[in-house]
Amino acid sequence: MKKLLIIVLSSLFMFIGCKKSDRDDDTSTNSSEDYALATGLVYDIFKIIHQASSTSQGVVSATTLDSTSVFGCDTIIFDGSTSPKTLQVNFGNCSTSTNLRSGYITASYNGFYDDLGTVTSISFNDYILNDFTFIAGTITSQFNGIINNYPTYTITFNEVKIRNNQNQKIFYSGSYQLKIIDGESTPLFNDDIYEITGSTSGRAFKGNAFTAQIVNKLTLNGDCNWVSSGQALVKPESKDTRALNFGSSCDNKITVTLYEINYELEMP
């Protein structure tokens, strides 16, 4: 009996030792894929608030516009009587040709949105973009003025938590500089082009802790769900660095290089 127990325990230990999770897999590209996906998701929120703020009277210092909607199926609600003043984009169930949104996003301002130094604090309540739900965290943006001819913002992501439709969660924190290098002269974000530098830390959907550093500025088009171009280095905790290339156009394709092997991947 004792001998049988030893055999059973030995077999159990071998099973546990041999079973590998995604976070233990050194060839995994999970962290790179999730970082790339989450970057597109969090900047979608910035684009929405940027347009709603820039086209709403009382939010910017002066405008002839007073928008009531960003996409036509949502509602912008501004309250200038509070301190700080607030703006809410309420989506209900807002469906466009490429995206389905619900819930709402709220922004508060400590000054006019377009004044130098103004900080905009962004939070979300039951906000869903397609299959991804924003469940915690905040985003802040600070207007740094016109630098080298471009409107420039410092954007900070504070423990943003996003859940996918498999009930997995990604945590995303970081500090970035964003420049609007084209399209700022028009009120809509569709023709905007953003140039982004900075770094991130977080935890991927599979549970991997990771850090990421942009090494070749990212380009994000206003009318695109994904980052259009640029490179970043992504390092899962206790694993080797992966090189992430976003390509050169608006699509969901990325390339992750690990040990000189290129993995061509597609994001949701």
C-alpha atoms as a PDB file:
ATOM      1  CA  MET A   1       0.000   0.000   0.000  1.00  0.00           C
ATOM      2  CA  LYS A   2       2.789   2.385   0.896  1.00  0.00           C
ATOM      3  CA  LYS A   3       4.563   1.571  -2.362  1.00  0.00           C
ATOM      4  CA  LEU A   4       1.371   2.240  -4.313  1.00  0.00           C
ATOM      5  CA  LEU A   5       0.937   5.629  -2.594  1.00  0.00           C
ATOM      6  CA  ILE A   6       4.497   6.611  -3.528  1.00  0.00           C
ATOM      7  CA  ILE A   7       3.853   5.702  -7.173  1.00  0.00           C
ATOM      8  CA  VAL A   8       0.602   7.719  -7.245  1.00  0.00           C
ATOM      9  CA  LEU A   9       2.220  10.790  -5.672  1.00  0.00           C
ATOM     10  CA  SER A  10       5.213  10.580  -8.009  1.00  0.00           C
ATOM     11  CA  SER A  11       2.903  10.424 -11.020  1.00  0.00           C
ATOM     12  CA  LEU A  12       0.942  13.442  -9.739  1.00  0.00           C
ATOM     13  CA  PHE A  13       4.094  15.526  -9.272  1.00  0.00           C
ATOM     14  CA  MET A  14       5.264  14.613 -12.759  1.00  0.00           C
ATOM     15  CA  PHE A  15       1.896  15.649 -14.215  1.00  0.00           C
ATOM     16  CA  ILE A  16       1.959  18.997 -12.429  1.00  0.00           C
ATOM     17  CA  GLY A  17       5.572  19.616 -13.401  1.00  0.00           C
ATOM     18  CA  CYS A  18       4.964  18.827 -17.054  1.00  0.00           C
ATOM     19  CA  LYS A  19       1.755  20.817 -17.409  1.00  0.00           C
ATOM     20  CA  LYS A  20       2.581  24.277 -18.811  1.00  0.00           C
ATOM     21  CA  SER A  21       0.400  27.355 -18.774  1.00  0.00           C
ATOM     22  CA  ASP A  22       0.478  30.125 -21.353  1.00  0.00           C
ATOM     23  CA  ARG A  23       2.403  32.363 -18.984  1.00  0.00           C
ATOM     24  CA  ASP A  24       5.179  29.724 -18.710  1.00  0.00           C
ATOM     25  CA  ASP A  25       5.503  29.261 -22.482  1.00  0.00           C
ATOM     26  CA  ASP A  26       8.677  31.022 -23.576  1.00  0.00           C
ATOM     27  CA  THR A  27       7.566  31.032 -27.231  1.00  0.00           C
ATOM     28  CA  SER A  28       4.257  32.741 -26.411  1.00  0.00           C
ATOM     29  CA  THR A  29       3.279  35.937 -28.230  1.00  0.00           C
ATOM     30  CA  ASN A  30       0.310  36.585 -25.916  1.00  0.00           C
ATOM     31  CA  SER A  31       1.742  39.670 -24.230  1.00  0.00           C
ATOM     32  CA  SER A  32       2.651  41.333 -27.533  1.00  0.00           C
ATOM     33  CA  GLU A  33      -0.769  40.647 -29.061  1.00  0.00           C
ATOM     34  CA  ASP A  34      -2.634  41.879 -25.993  1.00  0.00           C
ATOM     35  CA  TYR A  35      -0.508  45.026 -25.669  1.00  0.00           C
ATOM     36  CA  ALA A  36      -1.142  45.841 -29.332  1.00  0.00           C
ATOM     37  CA  LEU A  37      -4.880  45.254 -28.988  1.00  0.00           C
ATOM     38  CA  ALA A  38      -5.239  47.196 -25.732  1.00  0.00           C
ATOM     39  CA  THR A  39      -3.327  50.184 -27.136  1.00  0.00           C
ATOM     40  CA  GLY A  40      -5.913  50.535 -29.899  1.00  0.00           C
ATOM     41  CA  LEU A  41      -8.775  50.158 -27.412  1.00  0.00           C
ATOM     42  CA  VAL A  42      -7.591  52.795 -24.929  1.00  0.00           C
ATOM     43  CA  TYR A  43      -6.832  55.354 -27.629  1.00  0.00           C
ATOM     44  CA  ASP A  44     -10.310  54.906 -29.055  1.00  0.00           C
ATOM     45  CA  ILE A  45     -11.510  56.530 -25.836  1.00  0.00           C
ATOM     46  CA  PHE A  46      -9.109  59.451 -26.244  1.00  0.00           C
ATOM     47  CA  LYS A  47     -10.351  60.041 -29.803  1.00  0.00           C
ATOM     48  CA  ILE A  48     -13.971  60.126 -28.674  1.00  0.00           C
ATOM     49  CA  ILE A  49     -13.371  62.541 -25.792  1.00  0.00           C
ATOM     50  CA  HIS A  50     -11.076  64.722 -27.907  1.00  0.00           C
ATOM     51  CA  GLN A  51     -13.775  65.229 -30.544  1.00  0.00           C
ATOM     52  CA  ALA A  52     -16.600  65.679 -28.035  1.00  0.00           C
ATOM     53  CA  SER A  53     -14.545  68.215 -26.061  1.00  0.00           C
ATOM     54  CA  SER A  54     -13.306  70.164 -29.079  1.00  0.00           C
ATOM     55  CA  THR A  55     -16.810  70.620 -30.501  1.00  0.00           C
ATOM     56  CA  SER A  56     -18.728  71.495 -27.325  1.00  0.00           C
ATOM     57  CA  GLN A  57     -19.383  75.041 -26.150  1.00  0.00           C
ATOM     58  CA  GLY A  58     -18.244  75.615 -22.594  1.00  0.00           C
ATOM     59  CA  VAL A  59     -15.601  72.875 -22.823  1.00  0.00           C
ATOM     60  CA  VAL A  60     -13.196  74.736 -25.110  1.00  0.00           C
ATOM     61  CA  SER A  61     -12.439  78.438 -24.765  1.00  0.00           C
ATOM     62  CA  ALA A  62     -14.251  79.370 -27.980  1.00  0.00           C
ATOM     63  CA  THR A  63     -16.123  77.495 -30.696  1.00  0.00           C
ATOM     64  CA  THR A  64     -19.092  78.063 -32.977  1.00  0.00           C
ATOM     65  CA  LEU A  65     -19.886  74.356 -32.759  1.00  0.00           C
ATOM     66  CA  ASP A  66     -22.046  72.731 -30.127  1.00  0.00           C
ATOM     67  CA  SER A  67     -22.197  69.037 -30.898  1.00  0.00           C
ATOM     68  CA  THR A  68     -24.793  66.742 -29.399  1.00  0.00           C
ATOM     69  CA  SER A  69     -23.235  63.497 -30.673  1.00  0.00           C
ATOM     70  CA  VAL A  70     -19.934  61.947 -31.803  1.00  0.00           C
ATOM     71  CA  PHE A  71     -21.198  59.125 -34.037  1.00  0.00           C
ATOM     72  CA  GLY A  72     -24.848  60.090 -34.464  1.00  0.00           C
ATOM     73  CA  CYS A  73     -26.123  57.252 -32.273  1.00  0.00           C
ATOM     74  CA  ASP A  74     -24.769  58.561 -28.959  1.00  0.00           C
ATOM     75  CA  THR A  75     -25.581  61.639 -26.866  1.00  0.00           C
ATOM     76  CA  ILE A  76     -23.159  64.269 -25.530  1.00  0.00           C
ATOM     77  CA  ILE A  77     -24.278  65.769 -22.212  1.00  0.00           C
ATOM     78  CA  PHE A  78     -22.296  68.725 -20.851  1.00  0.00           C
ATOM     79  CA  ASP A  79     -22.710  70.159 -17.359  1.00  0.00           C
ATOM     80  CA  GLY A  80     -20.905  73.460 -16.814  1.00  0.00           C
ATOM     81  CA  SER A  81     -22.547  74.155 -13.457  1.00  0.00           C
ATOM     82  CA  THR A  82     -20.429  71.621 -11.566  1.00  0.00           C
ATOM     83  CA  SER A  83     -16.857  72.013 -10.342  1.00  0.00           C
ATOM     84  CA  PRO A  84     -15.066  70.546 -12.126  1.00  0.00           C
ATOM     85  CA  LYS A  85     -17.306  70.778 -15.169  1.00  0.00           C
ATOM     86  CA  THR A  86     -18.149  67.455 -16.787  1.00  0.00           C
ATOM     87  CA  LEU A  87     -18.998  65.991 -20.153  1.00  0.00           C
ATOM     88  CA  GLN A  88     -20.592  62.599 -20.702  1.00  0.00           C
ATOM     89  CA  VAL A  89     -20.854  60.598 -23.917  1.00  0.00           C
ATOM     90  CA  ASN A  90     -23.785  58.230 -23.456  1.00  0.00           C
ATOM     91  CA  PHE A  91     -23.888  55.452 -26.050  1.00  0.00           C
ATOM     92  CA  GLY A  92     -26.983  53.446 -25.150  1.00  0.00           C
ATOM     93  CA  ASN A  93     -26.490  50.824 -27.854  1.00  0.00           C
ATOM     94  CA  CYS A  94     -24.602  52.790 -30.478  1.00  0.00           C
ATOM     95  CA  SER A  95     -23.907  50.869 -33.687  1.00  0.00           C
ATOM     96  CA  THR A  96     -21.782  52.150 -36.574  1.00  0.00           C
ATOM     97  CA  SER A  97     -20.495  50.323 -39.654  1.00  0.00           C
ATOM     98  CA  THR A  98     -17.478  48.870 -37.808  1.00  0.00           C
ATOM     99  CA  ASN A  99     -18.164  49.117 -34.069  1.00  0.00           C
ATOM    100  CA  LEU A 100     -20.830  48.553 -31.438  1.00  0.00           C
ATOM    101  CA  ARG A 101     -20.602  50.644 -28.282  1.00  0.00           C
ATOM    102  CA  SER A 102     -22.706  50.823 -25.126  1.00  0.00           C
ATOM    103  CA  GLY A 103     -22.479  52.391 -21.683  1.00  0.00           C
ATOM    104  CA  TYR A 104     -20.933  55.805 -21.224  1.00  0.00           C
ATOM    105  CA  ILE A 105     -17.659  57.700 -20.837  1.00  0.00           C
ATOM    106  CA  THR A 106     -17.299  60.734 -18.569  1.00  0.00           C
ATOM    107  CA  ALA A 107     -14.675  63.492 -18.729  1.00  0.00           C
ATOM    108  CA  SER A 108     -14.011  66.224 -16.172  1.00  0.00           C
ATOM    109  CA  TYR A 109     -11.861  69.330 -16.747  1.00  0.00           C
ATOM    110  CA  ASN A 110      -9.937  71.680 -14.476  1.00  0.00           C
ATOM    111  CA  GLY A 111     -10.015  74.385 -17.157  1.00  0.00           C
ATOM    112  CA  PHE A 112     -10.892  74.861 -20.802  1.00  0.00           C
ATOM    113  CA  TYR A 113      -9.893  71.765 -22.774  1.00  0.00           C
ATOM    114  CA  ASP A 114      -7.748  73.791 -25.182  1.00  0.00           C
ATOM    115  CA  ASP A 115      -5.971  75.884 -22.516  1.00  0.00           C
ATOM    116  CA  LEU A 116      -2.300  75.163 -21.800  1.00  0.00           C
ATOM    117  CA  GLY A 117      -1.941  72.804 -18.840  1.00  0.00           C
ATOM    118  CA  THR A 118      -5.578  71.742 -18.583  1.00  0.00           C
ATOM    119  CA  VAL A 119      -5.982  68.212 -17.247  1.00  0.00           C
ATOM    120  CA  THR A 120      -8.873  66.083 -18.472  1.00  0.00           C
ATOM    121  CA  SER A 121      -9.799  63.087 -16.308  1.00  0.00           C
ATOM    122  CA  ILE A 122     -11.686  60.291 -18.088  1.00  0.00           C
ATOM    123  CA  SER A 123     -13.621  57.448 -16.492  1.00  0.00           C
ATOM    124  CA  PHE A 124     -16.107  54.892 -17.810  1.00  0.00           C
ATOM    125  CA  ASN A 125     -19.215  53.122 -16.614  1.00  0.00           C
ATOM    126  CA  ASP A 126     -20.284  49.855 -18.259  1.00  0.00           C
ATOM    127  CA  TYR A 127     -18.519  51.033 -21.400  1.00  0.00           C
ATOM    128  CA  ILE A 128     -18.284  48.274 -24.006  1.00  0.00           C
ATOM    129  CA  LEU A 129     -16.563  48.398 -27.400  1.00  0.00           C
ATOM    130  CA  ASN A 130     -17.502  45.300 -29.389  1.00  0.00           C
ATOM    131  CA  ASP A 131     -16.353  42.313 -27.266  1.00  0.00           C
ATOM    132  CA  PHE A 132     -14.363  44.342 -24.710  1.00  0.00           C
ATOM    133  CA  THR A 133     -15.669  45.846 -21.478  1.00  0.00           C
ATOM    134  CA  PHE A 134     -13.832  48.609 -19.584  1.00  0.00           C
ATOM    135  CA  ILE A 135     -14.365  47.742 -15.932  1.00  0.00           C
ATOM    136  CA  ALA A 136     -11.898  49.883 -13.949  1.00  0.00           C
ATOM    137  CA  GLY A 137      -9.208  52.543 -14.095  1.00  0.00           C
ATOM    138  CA  THR A 138      -8.942  56.104 -15.372  1.00  0.00           C
ATOM    139  CA  ILE A 139      -7.269  58.008 -18.186  1.00  0.00           C
ATOM    140  CA  THR A 140      -5.880  61.533 -17.869  1.00  0.00           C
ATOM    141  CA  SER A 141      -4.698  63.831 -20.623  1.00  0.00           C
ATOM    142  CA  GLN A 142      -2.907  67.143 -20.198  1.00  0.00           C
ATOM    143  CA  PHE A 143      -2.656  69.673 -22.995  1.00  0.00           C
ATOM    144  CA  ASN A 144       0.989  70.717 -23.350  1.00  0.00           C
ATOM    145  CA  GLY A 145       0.365  73.317 -26.035  1.00  0.00           C
ATOM    146  CA  ILE A 146       1.672  73.553 -29.580  1.00  0.00           C
ATOM    147  CA  ILE A 147       5.118  71.927 -29.746  1.00  0.00           C
ATOM    148  CA  ASN A 148       6.988  72.002 -33.063  1.00  0.00           C
ATOM    149  CA  ASN A 149       3.735  73.068 -34.742  1.00  0.00           C
ATOM    150  CA  TYR A 150       1.712  70.128 -33.365  1.00  0.00           C
ATOM    151  CA  PRO A 151      -0.906  70.062 -30.566  1.00  0.00           C
ATOM    152  CA  THR A 152       0.676  67.829 -27.924  1.00  0.00           C
ATOM    153  CA  TYR A 153      -0.794  65.933 -24.977  1.00  0.00           C
ATOM    154  CA  THR A 154       0.602  63.863 -22.122  1.00  0.00           C
ATOM    155  CA  ILE A 155      -1.674  60.864 -21.643  1.00  0.00           C
ATOM    156  CA  THR A 156      -1.564  58.648 -18.569  1.00  0.00           C
ATOM    157  CA  PHE A 157      -3.380  55.336 -18.210  1.00  0.00           C
ATOM    158  CA  ASN A 158      -4.010  54.442 -14.576  1.00  0.00           C
ATOM    159  CA  GLU A 159      -4.676  50.718 -14.014  1.00  0.00           C
ATOM    160  CA  VAL A 160      -7.148  50.485 -16.875  1.00  0.00           C
ATOM    161  CA  LYS A 161      -8.781  47.048 -16.720  1.00  0.00           C
ATOM    162  CA  ILE A 162     -10.459  45.559 -19.791  1.00  0.00           C
ATOM    163  CA  ARG A 163     -12.392  42.269 -19.889  1.00  0.00           C
ATOM    164  CA  ASN A 164     -12.826  40.176 -23.035  1.00  0.00           C
ATOM    165  CA  ASN A 165     -15.760  37.883 -23.861  1.00  0.00           C
ATOM    166  CA  GLN A 166     -13.949  34.929 -22.258  1.00  0.00           C
ATOM    167  CA  ASN A 167     -13.937  36.750 -18.902  1.00  0.00           C
ATOM    168  CA  GLN A 168     -10.171  37.291 -19.091  1.00  0.00           C
ATOM    169  CA  LYS A 169      -8.792  40.680 -18.051  1.00  0.00           C
ATOM    170  CA  ILE A 170      -5.913  42.857 -19.194  1.00  0.00           C
ATOM    171  CA  PHE A 171      -4.394  45.558 -16.965  1.00  0.00           C
ATOM    172  CA  TYR A 172      -2.853  48.538 -18.756  1.00  0.00           C
ATOM    173  CA  SER A 173      -0.883  51.430 -17.205  1.00  0.00           C
ATOM    174  CA  GLY A 174       1.496  53.845 -18.878  1.00  0.00           C
ATOM    175  CA  SER A 175       2.584  57.344 -19.793  1.00  0.00           C
ATOM    176  CA  TYR A 176       2.653  58.628 -23.358  1.00  0.00           C
ATOM    177  CA  GLN A 177       3.173  61.754 -25.377  1.00  0.00           C
ATOM    178  CA  LEU A 178       0.671  62.188 -28.196  1.00  0.00           C
ATOM    179  CA  LYS A 179       0.995  64.663 -31.071  1.00  0.00           C
ATOM    180  CA  ILE A 180      -1.757  65.403 -33.552  1.00  0.00           C
ATOM    181  CA  ILE A 181       0.309  65.663 -36.735  1.00  0.00           C
ATOM    182  CA  ASP A 182      -2.602  66.001 -39.179  1.00  0.00           C
ATOM    183  CA  GLY A 183      -6.324  66.720 -39.215  1.00  0.00           C
ATOM    184  CA  GLU A 184      -6.539  69.076 -36.245  1.00  0.00           C
ATOM    185  CA  SER A 185      -7.969  71.850 -38.429  1.00  0.00           C
ATOM    186  CA  THR A 186     -11.239  69.916 -38.853  1.00  0.00           C
ATOM    187  CA  PRO A 187     -13.700  69.181 -36.011  1.00  0.00           C
ATOM    188  CA  LEU A 188     -13.927  65.394 -36.550  1.00  0.00           C
ATOM    189  CA  PHE A 189     -11.291  62.873 -35.497  1.00  0.00           C
ATOM    190  CA  ASN A 190     -11.738  60.707 -38.620  1.00  0.00           C
ATOM    191  CA  ASP A 191      -8.991  62.533 -40.515  1.00  0.00           C
ATOM    192  CA  ASP A 192      -6.673  62.941 -37.515  1.00  0.00           C
ATOM    193  CA  ILE A 193      -3.268  61.271 -37.410  1.00  0.00           C
ATOM    194  CA  TYR A 194      -1.657  60.760 -34.010  1.00  0.00           C
ATOM    195  CA  GLU A 195       2.026  60.178 -33.292  1.00  0.00           C
ATOM    196  CA  ILE A 196       2.682  58.394 -29.991  1.00  0.00           C
ATOM    197  CA  THR A 197       5.760  57.693 -27.844  1.00  0.00           C
ATOM    198  CA  GLY A 198       6.040  56.267 -24.335  1.00  0.00           C
ATOM    199  CA  SER A 199       5.971  53.093 -22.259  1.00  0.00           C
ATOM    200  CA  THR A 200       3.510  50.681 -20.645  1.00  0.00           C
ATOM    201  CA  SER A 201       3.301  48.081 -17.923  1.00  0.00           C
ATOM    202  CA  GLY A 202       0.500  45.645 -17.337  1.00  0.00           C
ATOM    203  CA  ARG A 203      -0.804  42.122 -17.275  1.00  0.00           C
ATOM    204  CA  ALA A 204      -2.041  40.287 -20.354  1.00  0.00           C
ATOM    205  CA  PHE A 205      -5.293  38.337 -20.710  1.00  0.00           C
ATOM    206  CA  LYS A 206      -3.477  35.044 -20.037  1.00  0.00           C
ATOM    207  CA  GLY A 207      -1.982  36.458 -16.825  1.00  0.00           C
ATOM    208  CA  ASN A 208       1.517  37.404 -18.021  1.00  0.00           C
ATOM    209  CA  ALA A 209       2.984  40.540 -16.435  1.00  0.00           C
ATOM    210  CA  PHE A 210       4.735  42.615 -19.091  1.00  0.00           C
ATOM    211  CA  THR A 211       6.379  45.929 -19.912  1.00  0.00           C
ATOM    212  CA  ALA A 212       6.469  47.634 -23.307  1.00  0.00           C
ATOM    213  CA  GLN A 213       8.574  50.488 -24.679  1.00  0.00           C
ATOM    214  CA  ILE A 214       7.910  52.258 -27.986  1.00  0.00           C
ATOM    215  CA  VAL A 215      11.166  52.363 -29.938  1.00  0.00           C
ATOM    216  CA  ASN A 216       9.826  53.749 -33.225  1.00  0.00           C
ATOM    217  CA  LYS A 217       6.928  56.166 -32.768  1.00  0.00           C
ATOM    218  CA  LEU A 218       3.491  54.681 -33.254  1.00  0.00           C
ATOM    219  CA  THR A 219       1.094  56.172 -35.777  1.00  0.00           C
ATOM    220  CA  LEU A 220      -2.621  55.949 -35.138  1.00  0.00           C
ATOM    221  CA  ASN A 221      -5.186  57.086 -37.712  1.00  0.00           C
ATOM    222  CA  GLY A 222      -8.421  58.549 -36.405  1.00  0.00           C
ATOM    223  CA  ASP A 223     -10.562  56.305 -38.612  1.00  0.00           C
ATOM    224  CA  CYS A 224      -8.682  53.085 -37.747  1.00  0.00           C
ATOM    225  CA  ASN A 225      -9.365  50.645 -34.887  1.00  0.00           C
ATOM    226  CA  TRP A 226      -5.722  49.580 -34.710  1.00  0.00           C
ATOM    227  CA  VAL A 227      -2.296  51.194 -34.537  1.00  0.00           C
ATOM    228  CA  SER A 228      -1.205  51.770 -38.136  1.00  0.00           C
ATOM    229  CA  SER A 229       2.587  51.740 -37.869  1.00  0.00           C
ATOM    230  CA  GLY A 230       5.572  51.801 -35.506  1.00  0.00           C
ATOM    231  CA  GLN A 231       7.566  49.395 -33.352  1.00  0.00           C
ATOM    232  CA  ALA A 232       7.710  48.503 -29.667  1.00  0.00           C
ATOM    233  CA  LEU A 233       9.698  46.131 -27.489  1.00  0.00           C
ATOM    234  CA  VAL A 234       7.501  43.935 -25.276  1.00  0.00           C
ATOM    235  CA  LYS A 235       9.011  42.009 -22.360  1.00  0.00           C
ATOM    236  CA  PRO A 236       6.949  39.472 -20.416  1.00  0.00           C
ATOM    237  CA  GLU A 237       8.131  39.063 -16.838  1.00  0.00           C
ATOM    238  CA  SER A 238      11.185  36.745 -16.584  1.00  0.00           C
ATOM    239  CA  LYS A 239      11.101  36.131 -20.351  1.00  0.00           C
ATOM    240  CA  ASP A 240      13.068  37.451 -23.312  1.00  0.00           C
ATOM    241  CA  THR A 241      12.046  40.622 -25.141  1.00  0.00           C
ATOM    242  CA  ARG A 242       9.798  40.402 -28.161  1.00  0.00           C
ATOM    243  CA  ALA A 243       9.995  42.927 -31.023  1.00  0.00           C
ATOM    244  CA  LEU A 244       6.542  44.093 -32.112  1.00  0.00           C
ATOM    245  CA  ASN A 245       6.004  45.674 -35.536  1.00  0.00           C
ATOM    246  CA  PHE A 246       2.624  47.224 -36.332  1.00  0.00           C
ATOM    247  CA  GLY A 247       3.263  47.347 -40.087  1.00  0.00           C
ATOM    248  CA  SER A 248       2.605  50.373 -42.279  1.00  0.00           C
ATOM    249  CA  SER A 249      -1.159  50.612 -42.834  1.00  0.00           C
ATOM    250  CA  CYS A 250      -4.527  50.411 -41.090  1.00  0.00           C
ATOM    251  CA  ASP A 251      -5.191  46.736 -40.450  1.00  0.00           C
ATOM    252  CA  ASN A 252      -5.268  44.208 -37.620  1.00  0.00           C
ATOM    253  CA  LYS A 253      -2.016  42.520 -38.637  1.00  0.00           C
ATOM    254  CA  ILE A 254       1.153  42.650 -36.549  1.00  0.00           C
ATOM    255  CA  THR A 255       4.517  40.901 -36.610  1.00  0.00           C
ATOM    256  CA  VAL A 256       6.185  39.634 -33.427  1.00  0.00           C
ATOM    257  CA  THR A 257       9.849  38.629 -33.599  1.00  0.00           C
ATOM    258  CA  LEU A 258      11.299  36.237 -31.011  1.00  0.00           C
ATOM    259  CA  TYR A 259      14.661  34.454 -31.356  1.00  0.00           C
ATOM    260  CA  GLU A 260      14.885  35.770 -34.952  1.00  0.00           C
ATOM    261  CA  ILE A 261      11.623  34.022 -35.841  1.00  0.00           C
ATOM    262  CA  ASN A 262       8.797  36.206 -37.179  1.00  0.00           C
ATOM    263  CA  TYR A 263       5.217  35.424 -36.147  1.00  0.00           C
ATOM    264  CA  GLU A 264       2.558  36.997 -38.390  1.00  0.00           C
ATOM    265  CA  LEU A 265      -0.542  37.557 -36.234  1.00  0.00           C
ATOM    266  CA  GLU A 266      -4.028  39.012 -36.488  1.00  0.00           C
ATOM    267  CA  MET A 267      -5.814  40.825 -33.665  1.00  0.00           C
ATOM    268  CA  PRO A 268      -9.618  40.726 -33.097  1.00  0.00           C
END
